[in-house]
Amino acid sequence: MFENKLVAVLNKSCEPGVAMNALAHMSFGLGQLVEEKNALLCNYVDATALSHPAISSIALYCVKCKFE
């Protein structure tokens, strides 16, 4: 179990492309702030045996909500 969790709250009225762009920028910025040892990066190998380096083993929860 991780001591900290990552959560992104996205406005559900945003177009999917806009929301994904915002999430990508947030993730990139966060990656610049976190020390590598705290990012818990791993080399993820998918079901087709392709390797995906520098994947964080910390789950990123994405939720959407309606802002009023």
PDB file of N, CA and C in Angstrom:
ATOM      1  N   MET A   1       0.849  -1.180   0.000  1.00  0.00           N
ATOM      2  CA  MET A   1       0.000   0.000   0.000  1.00  0.00           C
ATOM      3  C   MET A   1       0.892   1.239   0.000  1.00  0.00           C
ATOM      4  N   PHE A   2       0.525   2.217  -0.775  1.00  0.00           N
ATOM      5  CA  PHE A   2       1.292   3.449  -0.871  1.00  0.00           C
ATOM      6  C   PHE A   2       0.815   4.452   0.161  1.00  0.00           C
ATOM      7  N   GLU A   3       1.759   5.190   0.703  1.00  0.00           N
ATOM      8  CA  GLU A   3       1.420   6.223   1.683  1.00  0.00           C
ATOM      9  C   GLU A   3       0.653   7.366   1.019  1.00  0.00           C
ATOM     10  N   ASN A   4       1.033   7.698  -0.218  1.00  0.00           N
ATOM     11  CA  ASN A   4       0.390   8.782  -0.956  1.00  0.00           C
ATOM     12  C   ASN A   4      -0.279   8.231  -2.203  1.00  0.00           C
ATOM     13  N   LYS A   5      -1.330   8.898  -2.639  1.00  0.00           N
ATOM     14  CA  LYS A   5      -2.023   8.502  -3.859  1.00  0.00           C
ATOM     15  C   LYS A   5      -2.127   9.722  -4.764  1.00  0.00           C
ATOM     16  N   LEU A   6      -2.187   9.491  -6.052  1.00  0.00           N
ATOM     17  CA  LEU A   6      -2.354  10.557  -7.028  1.00  0.00           C
ATOM     18  C   LEU A   6      -3.799  10.570  -7.491  1.00  0.00           C
ATOM     19  N   VAL A   7      -4.411  11.746  -7.460  1.00  0.00           N
ATOM     20  CA  VAL A   7      -5.793  11.891  -7.901  1.00  0.00           C
ATOM     21  C   VAL A   7      -5.886  13.115  -8.798  1.00  0.00           C
ATOM     22  N   ALA A   8      -6.502  12.963  -9.952  1.00  0.00           N
ATOM     23  CA  ALA A   8      -6.768  14.082 -10.851  1.00  0.00           C
ATOM     24  C   ALA A   8      -8.278  14.255 -10.932  1.00  0.00           C
ATOM     25  N   VAL A   9      -8.740  15.449 -10.666  1.00  0.00           N
ATOM     26  CA  VAL A   9     -10.171  15.757 -10.767  1.00  0.00           C
ATOM     27  C   VAL A   9     -10.358  16.600 -12.013  1.00  0.00           C
ATOM     28  N   LEU A  10     -11.138  16.087 -12.949  1.00  0.00           N
ATOM     29  CA  LEU A  10     -11.352  16.751 -14.223  1.00  0.00           C
ATOM     30  C   LEU A  10     -12.803  17.200 -14.346  1.00  0.00           C
ATOM     31  N   ASN A  11     -12.989  18.367 -14.929  1.00  0.00           N
ATOM     32  CA  ASN A  11     -14.332  18.910 -15.138  1.00  0.00           C
ATOM     33  C   ASN A  11     -15.028  18.103 -16.223  1.00  0.00           C
ATOM     34  N   LYS A  12     -16.155  17.490 -15.894  1.00  0.00           N
ATOM     35  CA  LYS A  12     -16.814  16.607 -16.866  1.00  0.00           C
ATOM     36  C   LYS A  12     -17.419  17.361 -18.044  1.00  0.00           C
ATOM     37  N   SER A  13     -17.490  18.695 -17.964  1.00  0.00           N
ATOM     38  CA  SER A  13     -18.013  19.456 -19.097  1.00  0.00           C
ATOM     39  C   SER A  13     -16.931  19.723 -20.149  1.00  0.00           C
ATOM     40  N   CYS A  14     -15.675  19.380 -19.843  1.00  0.00           N
ATOM     41  CA  CYS A  14     -14.586  19.553 -20.812  1.00  0.00           C
ATOM     42  C   CYS A  14     -14.658  18.464 -21.873  1.00  0.00           C
ATOM     43  N   GLU A  15     -14.269  18.832 -23.087  1.00  0.00           N
ATOM     44  CA  GLU A  15     -14.151  17.844 -24.149  1.00  0.00           C
ATOM     45  C   GLU A  15     -13.045  16.857 -23.756  1.00  0.00           C
ATOM     46  N   PRO A  16     -13.165  15.580 -24.119  1.00  0.00           N
ATOM     47  CA  PRO A  16     -12.150  14.585 -23.732  1.00  0.00           C
ATOM     48  C   PRO A  16     -10.726  14.974 -24.118  1.00  0.00           C
ATOM     49  N   GLY A  17     -10.535  15.521 -25.308  1.00  0.00           N
ATOM     50  CA  GLY A  17      -9.191  15.917 -25.737  1.00  0.00           C
ATOM     51  C   GLY A  17      -8.615  17.020 -24.860  1.00  0.00           C
ATOM     52  N   VAL A  18      -9.435  17.974 -24.472  1.00  0.00           N
ATOM     53  CA  VAL A  18      -8.999  19.069 -23.605  1.00  0.00           C
ATOM     54  C   VAL A  18      -8.643  18.525 -22.223  1.00  0.00           C
ATOM     55  N   ALA A  19      -9.483  17.634 -21.708  1.00  0.00           N
ATOM     56  CA  ALA A  19      -9.229  17.038 -20.387  1.00  0.00           C
ATOM     57  C   ALA A  19      -7.945  16.213 -20.402  1.00  0.00           C
ATOM     58  N   MET A  20      -7.729  15.428 -21.447  1.00  0.00           N
ATOM     59  CA  MET A  20      -6.514  14.615 -21.538  1.00  0.00           C
ATOM     60  C   MET A  20      -5.275  15.495 -21.671  1.00  0.00           C
ATOM     61  N   ASN A  21      -5.394  16.601 -22.408  1.00  0.00           N
ATOM     62  CA  ASN A  21      -4.274  17.527 -22.546  1.00  0.00           C
ATOM     63  C   ASN A  21      -3.924  18.129 -21.181  1.00  0.00           C
ATOM     64  N   ALA A  22      -4.934  18.539 -20.430  1.00  0.00           N
ATOM     65  CA  ALA A  22      -4.698  19.093 -19.095  1.00  0.00           C
ATOM     66  C   ALA A  22      -4.062  18.052 -18.186  1.00  0.00           C
ATOM     67  N   LEU A  23      -4.551  16.822 -18.245  1.00  0.00           N
ATOM     68  CA  LEU A  23      -3.991  15.744 -17.429  1.00  0.00           C
ATOM     69  C   LEU A  23      -2.537  15.467 -17.805  1.00  0.00           C
ATOM     70  N   ALA A  24      -2.237  15.486 -19.088  1.00  0.00           N
ATOM     71  CA  ALA A  24      -0.864  15.257 -19.536  1.00  0.00           C
ATOM     72  C   ALA A  24       0.062  16.346 -19.009  1.00  0.00           C
ATOM     73  N   HIS A  25      -0.364  17.595 -19.071  1.00  0.00           N
ATOM     74  CA  HIS A  25       0.462  18.694 -18.573  1.00  0.00           C
ATOM     75  C   HIS A  25       0.642  18.617 -17.057  1.00  0.00           C
ATOM     76  N   MET A  26      -0.426  18.262 -16.341  1.00  0.00           N
ATOM     77  CA  MET A  26      -0.322  18.105 -14.884  1.00  0.00           C
ATOM     78  C   MET A  26       0.657  16.991 -14.546  1.00  0.00           C
ATOM     79  N   SER A  27       0.555  15.881 -15.246  1.00  0.00           N
ATOM     80  CA  SER A  27       1.432  14.732 -14.989  1.00  0.00           C
ATOM     81  C   SER A  27       2.881  15.065 -15.276  1.00  0.00           C
ATOM     82  N   PHE A  28       3.120  15.755 -16.380  1.00  0.00           N
ATOM     83  CA  PHE A  28       4.485  16.123 -16.741  1.00  0.00           C
ATOM     84  C   PHE A  28       5.077  17.068 -15.692  1.00  0.00           C
ATOM     85  N   GLY A  29       4.288  18.049 -15.275  1.00  0.00           N
ATOM     86  CA  GLY A  29       4.753  18.984 -14.249  1.00  0.00           C
ATOM     87  C   GLY A  29       5.035  18.288 -12.934  1.00  0.00           C
ATOM     88  N   LEU A  30       4.156  17.386 -12.531  1.00  0.00           N
ATOM     89  CA  LEU A  30       4.367  16.633 -11.297  1.00  0.00           C
ATOM     90  C   LEU A  30       5.626  15.786 -11.385  1.00  0.00           C
ATOM     91  N   GLY A  31       5.851  15.203 -12.554  1.00  0.00           N
ATOM     92  CA  GLY A  31       7.045  14.388 -12.759  1.00  0.00           C
ATOM     93  C   GLY A  31       8.328  15.183 -12.583  1.00  0.00           C
ATOM     94  N   GLN A  32       8.283  16.462 -12.899  1.00  0.00           N
ATOM     95  CA  GLN A  32       9.460  17.309 -12.729  1.00  0.00           C
ATOM     96  C   GLN A  32       9.711  17.659 -11.270  1.00  0.00           C
ATOM     97  N   LEU A  33       8.667  17.595 -10.444  1.00  0.00           N
ATOM     98  CA  LEU A  33       8.788  17.968  -9.038  1.00  0.00           C
ATOM     99  C   LEU A  33       9.166  16.805  -8.123  1.00  0.00           C
ATOM    100  N   VAL A  34       8.831  15.591  -8.533  1.00  0.00           N
ATOM    101  CA  VAL A  34       9.035  14.415  -7.704  1.00  0.00           C
ATOM    102  C   VAL A  34      10.422  13.820  -7.977  1.00  0.00           C
ATOM    103  N   GLU A  35      11.144  13.509  -6.926  1.00  0.00           N
ATOM    104  CA  GLU A  35      12.436  12.850  -7.104  1.00  0.00           C
ATOM    105  C   GLU A  35      12.210  11.457  -7.671  1.00  0.00           C
ATOM    106  N   GLU A  36      13.147  10.995  -8.488  1.00  0.00           N
ATOM    107  CA  GLU A  36      12.990   9.705  -9.173  1.00  0.00           C
ATOM    108  C   GLU A  36      12.718   8.567  -8.199  1.00  0.00           C
ATOM    109  N   LYS A  37      13.400   8.557  -7.048  1.00  0.00           N
ATOM    110  CA  LYS A  37      13.201   7.468  -6.090  1.00  0.00           C
ATOM    111  C   LYS A  37      11.779   7.463  -5.520  1.00  0.00           C
ATOM    112  N   ASN A  38      11.117   8.630  -5.505  1.00  0.00           N
ATOM    113  CA  ASN A  38       9.752   8.713  -4.990  1.00  0.00           C
ATOM    114  C   ASN A  38       8.696   8.424  -6.051  1.00  0.00           C
ATOM    115  N   ALA A  39       9.103   8.411  -7.314  1.00  0.00           N
ATOM    116  CA  ALA A  39       8.154   8.162  -8.399  1.00  0.00           C
ATOM    117  C   ALA A  39       7.843   6.672  -8.551  1.00  0.00           C
ATOM    118  N   LEU A  40       8.679   5.814  -7.969  1.00  0.00           N
ATOM    119  CA  LEU A  40       8.496   4.360  -8.040  1.00  0.00           C
ATOM    120  C   LEU A  40       8.298   3.899  -9.481  1.00  0.00           C
ATOM    121  N   LEU A  41       9.261   4.269 -10.346  1.00  0.00           N
ATOM    122  CA  LEU A  41       9.169   3.915 -11.753  1.00  0.00           C
ATOM    123  C   LEU A  41       9.537   2.450 -11.968  1.00  0.00           C
ATOM    124  N   CYS A  42       8.862   1.827 -12.914  1.00  0.00           N
ATOM    125  CA  CYS A  42       9.157   0.434 -13.243  1.00  0.00           C
ATOM    126  C   CYS A  42       9.152   0.263 -14.759  1.00  0.00           C
ATOM    127  N   ASN A  43       9.618  -0.865 -15.201  1.00  0.00           N
ATOM    128  CA  ASN A  43       9.589  -1.221 -16.610  1.00  0.00           C
ATOM    129  C   ASN A  43       8.398  -2.153 -16.795  1.00  0.00           C
ATOM    130  N   TYR A  44       7.284  -1.634 -17.315  1.00  0.00           N
ATOM    131  CA  TYR A  44       6.053  -2.415 -17.462  1.00  0.00           C
ATOM    132  C   TYR A  44       6.091  -3.194 -18.771  1.00  0.00           C
ATOM    133  N   VAL A  45       5.851  -4.490 -18.710  1.00  0.00           N
ATOM    134  CA  VAL A  45       5.792  -5.344 -19.900  1.00  0.00           C
ATOM    135  C   VAL A  45       4.333  -5.758 -20.089  1.00  0.00           C
ATOM    136  N   ASP A  46       3.769  -5.423 -21.255  1.00  0.00           N
ATOM    137  CA  ASP A  46       2.347  -5.706 -21.490  1.00  0.00           C
ATOM    138  C   ASP A  46       2.129  -7.147 -21.980  1.00  0.00           C
ATOM    139  N   ALA A  47       0.897  -7.483 -22.277  1.00  0.00           N
ATOM    140  CA  ALA A  47       0.521  -8.849 -22.660  1.00  0.00           C
ATOM    141  C   ALA A  47       1.160  -9.294 -23.968  1.00  0.00           C
ATOM    142  N   THR A  48       1.598  -8.338 -24.794  1.00  0.00           N
ATOM    143  CA  THR A  48       2.256  -8.688 -26.057  1.00  0.00           C
ATOM    144  C   THR A  48       3.774  -8.669 -25.918  1.00  0.00           C
ATOM    145  N   ALA A  49       4.256  -8.600 -24.696  1.00  0.00           N
ATOM    146  CA  ALA A  49       5.681  -8.607 -24.366  1.00  0.00           C
ATOM    147  C   ALA A  49       6.409  -7.315 -24.748  1.00  0.00           C
ATOM    148  N   LEU A  50       5.657  -6.259 -25.041  1.00  0.00           N
ATOM    149  CA  LEU A  50       6.284  -4.961 -25.306  1.00  0.00           C
ATOM    150  C   LEU A  50       6.651  -4.309 -23.986  1.00  0.00           C
ATOM    151  N   SER A  51       7.821  -3.699 -23.957  1.00  0.00           N
ATOM    152  CA  SER A  51       8.313  -3.051 -22.758  1.00  0.00           C
ATOM    153  C   SER A  51       7.965  -1.563 -22.779  1.00  0.00           C
ATOM    154  N   HIS A  52       7.483  -1.057 -21.660  1.00  0.00           N
ATOM    155  CA  HIS A  52       7.145   0.354 -21.505  1.00  0.00           C
ATOM    156  C   HIS A  52       7.921   0.880 -20.297  1.00  0.00           C
ATOM    157  N   PRO A  53       9.078   1.519 -20.540  1.00  0.00           N
ATOM    158  CA  PRO A  53       9.911   1.986 -19.425  1.00  0.00           C
ATOM    159  C   PRO A  53       9.348   3.243 -18.759  1.00  0.00           C
ATOM    160  N   ALA A  54       9.782   3.463 -17.549  1.00  0.00           N
ATOM    161  CA  ALA A  54       9.457   4.672 -16.778  1.00  0.00           C
ATOM    162  C   ALA A  54       7.961   4.824 -16.515  1.00  0.00           C
ATOM    163  N   ILE A  55       7.298   3.721 -16.217  1.00  0.00           N
ATOM    164  CA  ILE A  55       5.887   3.757 -15.827  1.00  0.00           C
ATOM    165  C   ILE A  55       5.840   3.740 -14.301  1.00  0.00           C
ATOM    166  N   SER A  56       5.066   4.653 -13.728  1.00  0.00           N
ATOM    167  CA  SER A  56       4.971   4.697 -12.269  1.00  0.00           C
ATOM    168  C   SER A  56       4.103   3.551 -11.770  1.00  0.00           C
ATOM    169  N   SER A  57       4.563   2.896 -10.724  1.00  0.00           N
ATOM    170  CA  SER A  57       3.760   1.821 -10.142  1.00  0.00           C
ATOM    171  C   SER A  57       2.701   2.367  -9.188  1.00  0.00           C
ATOM    172  N   ILE A  58       2.673   3.680  -9.006  1.00  0.00           N
ATOM    173  CA  ILE A  58       1.638   4.319  -8.189  1.00  0.00           C
ATOM    174  C   ILE A  58       0.427   4.562  -9.082  1.00  0.00           C
ATOM    175  N   ALA A  59      -0.728   4.119  -8.652  1.00  0.00           N
ATOM    176  CA  ALA A  59      -1.950   4.309  -9.434  1.00  0.00           C
ATOM    177  C   ALA A  59      -2.322   5.789  -9.504  1.00  0.00           C
ATOM    178  N   LEU A  60      -2.812   6.212 -10.656  1.00  0.00           N
ATOM    179  CA  LEU A  60      -3.322   7.567 -10.839  1.00  0.00           C
ATOM    180  C   LEU A  60      -4.826   7.449 -11.025  1.00  0.00           C
ATOM    181  N   TYR A  61      -5.563   7.945 -10.065  1.00  0.00           N
ATOM    182  CA  TYR A  61      -7.024   7.894 -10.121  1.00  0.00           C
ATOM    183  C   TYR A  61      -7.527   9.146 -10.818  1.00  0.00           C
ATOM    184  N   CYS A  62      -8.334   8.968 -11.843  1.00  0.00           N
ATOM    185  CA  CYS A  62      -8.929  10.092 -12.564  1.00  0.00           C
ATOM    186  C   CYS A  62     -10.431  10.066 -12.339  1.00  0.00           C
ATOM    187  N   VAL A  63     -10.938  11.158 -11.829  1.00  0.00           N
ATOM    188  CA  VAL A  63     -12.370  11.269 -11.581  1.00  0.00           C
ATOM    189  C   VAL A  63     -12.876  12.511 -12.279  1.00  0.00           C
ATOM    190  N   LYS A  64     -14.142  12.487 -12.623  1.00  0.00           N
ATOM    191  CA  LYS A  64     -14.732  13.673 -13.222  1.00  0.00           C
ATOM    192  C   LYS A  64     -15.882  14.139 -12.356  1.00  0.00           C
ATOM    193  N   CYS A  65     -16.073  15.437 -12.335  1.00  0.00           N
ATOM    194  CA  CYS A  65     -17.164  15.975 -11.549  1.00  0.00           C
ATOM    195  C   CYS A  65     -17.726  17.205 -12.247  1.00  0.00           C
ATOM    196  N   LYS A  66     -18.899  17.560 -11.834  1.00  0.00           N
ATOM    197  CA  LYS A  66     -19.555  18.734 -12.395  1.00  0.00           C
ATOM    198  C   LYS A  66     -19.274  19.909 -11.469  1.00  0.00           C
ATOM    199  N   PHE A  67     -18.660  20.947 -12.017  1.00  0.00           N
ATOM    200  CA  PHE A  67     -18.386  22.148 -11.254  1.00  0.00           C
ATOM    201  C   PHE A  67     -19.539  23.124 -11.456  1.00  0.00           C
ATOM    202  N   GLU A  68     -20.023  23.673 -10.379  1.00  0.00           N
ATOM    203  CA  GLU A  68     -21.146  24.630 -10.488  1.00  0.00           C
ATOM    204  C   GLU A  68     -20.703  26.014 -10.105  1.00  0.00           C
TER     205      GLU A  68
END
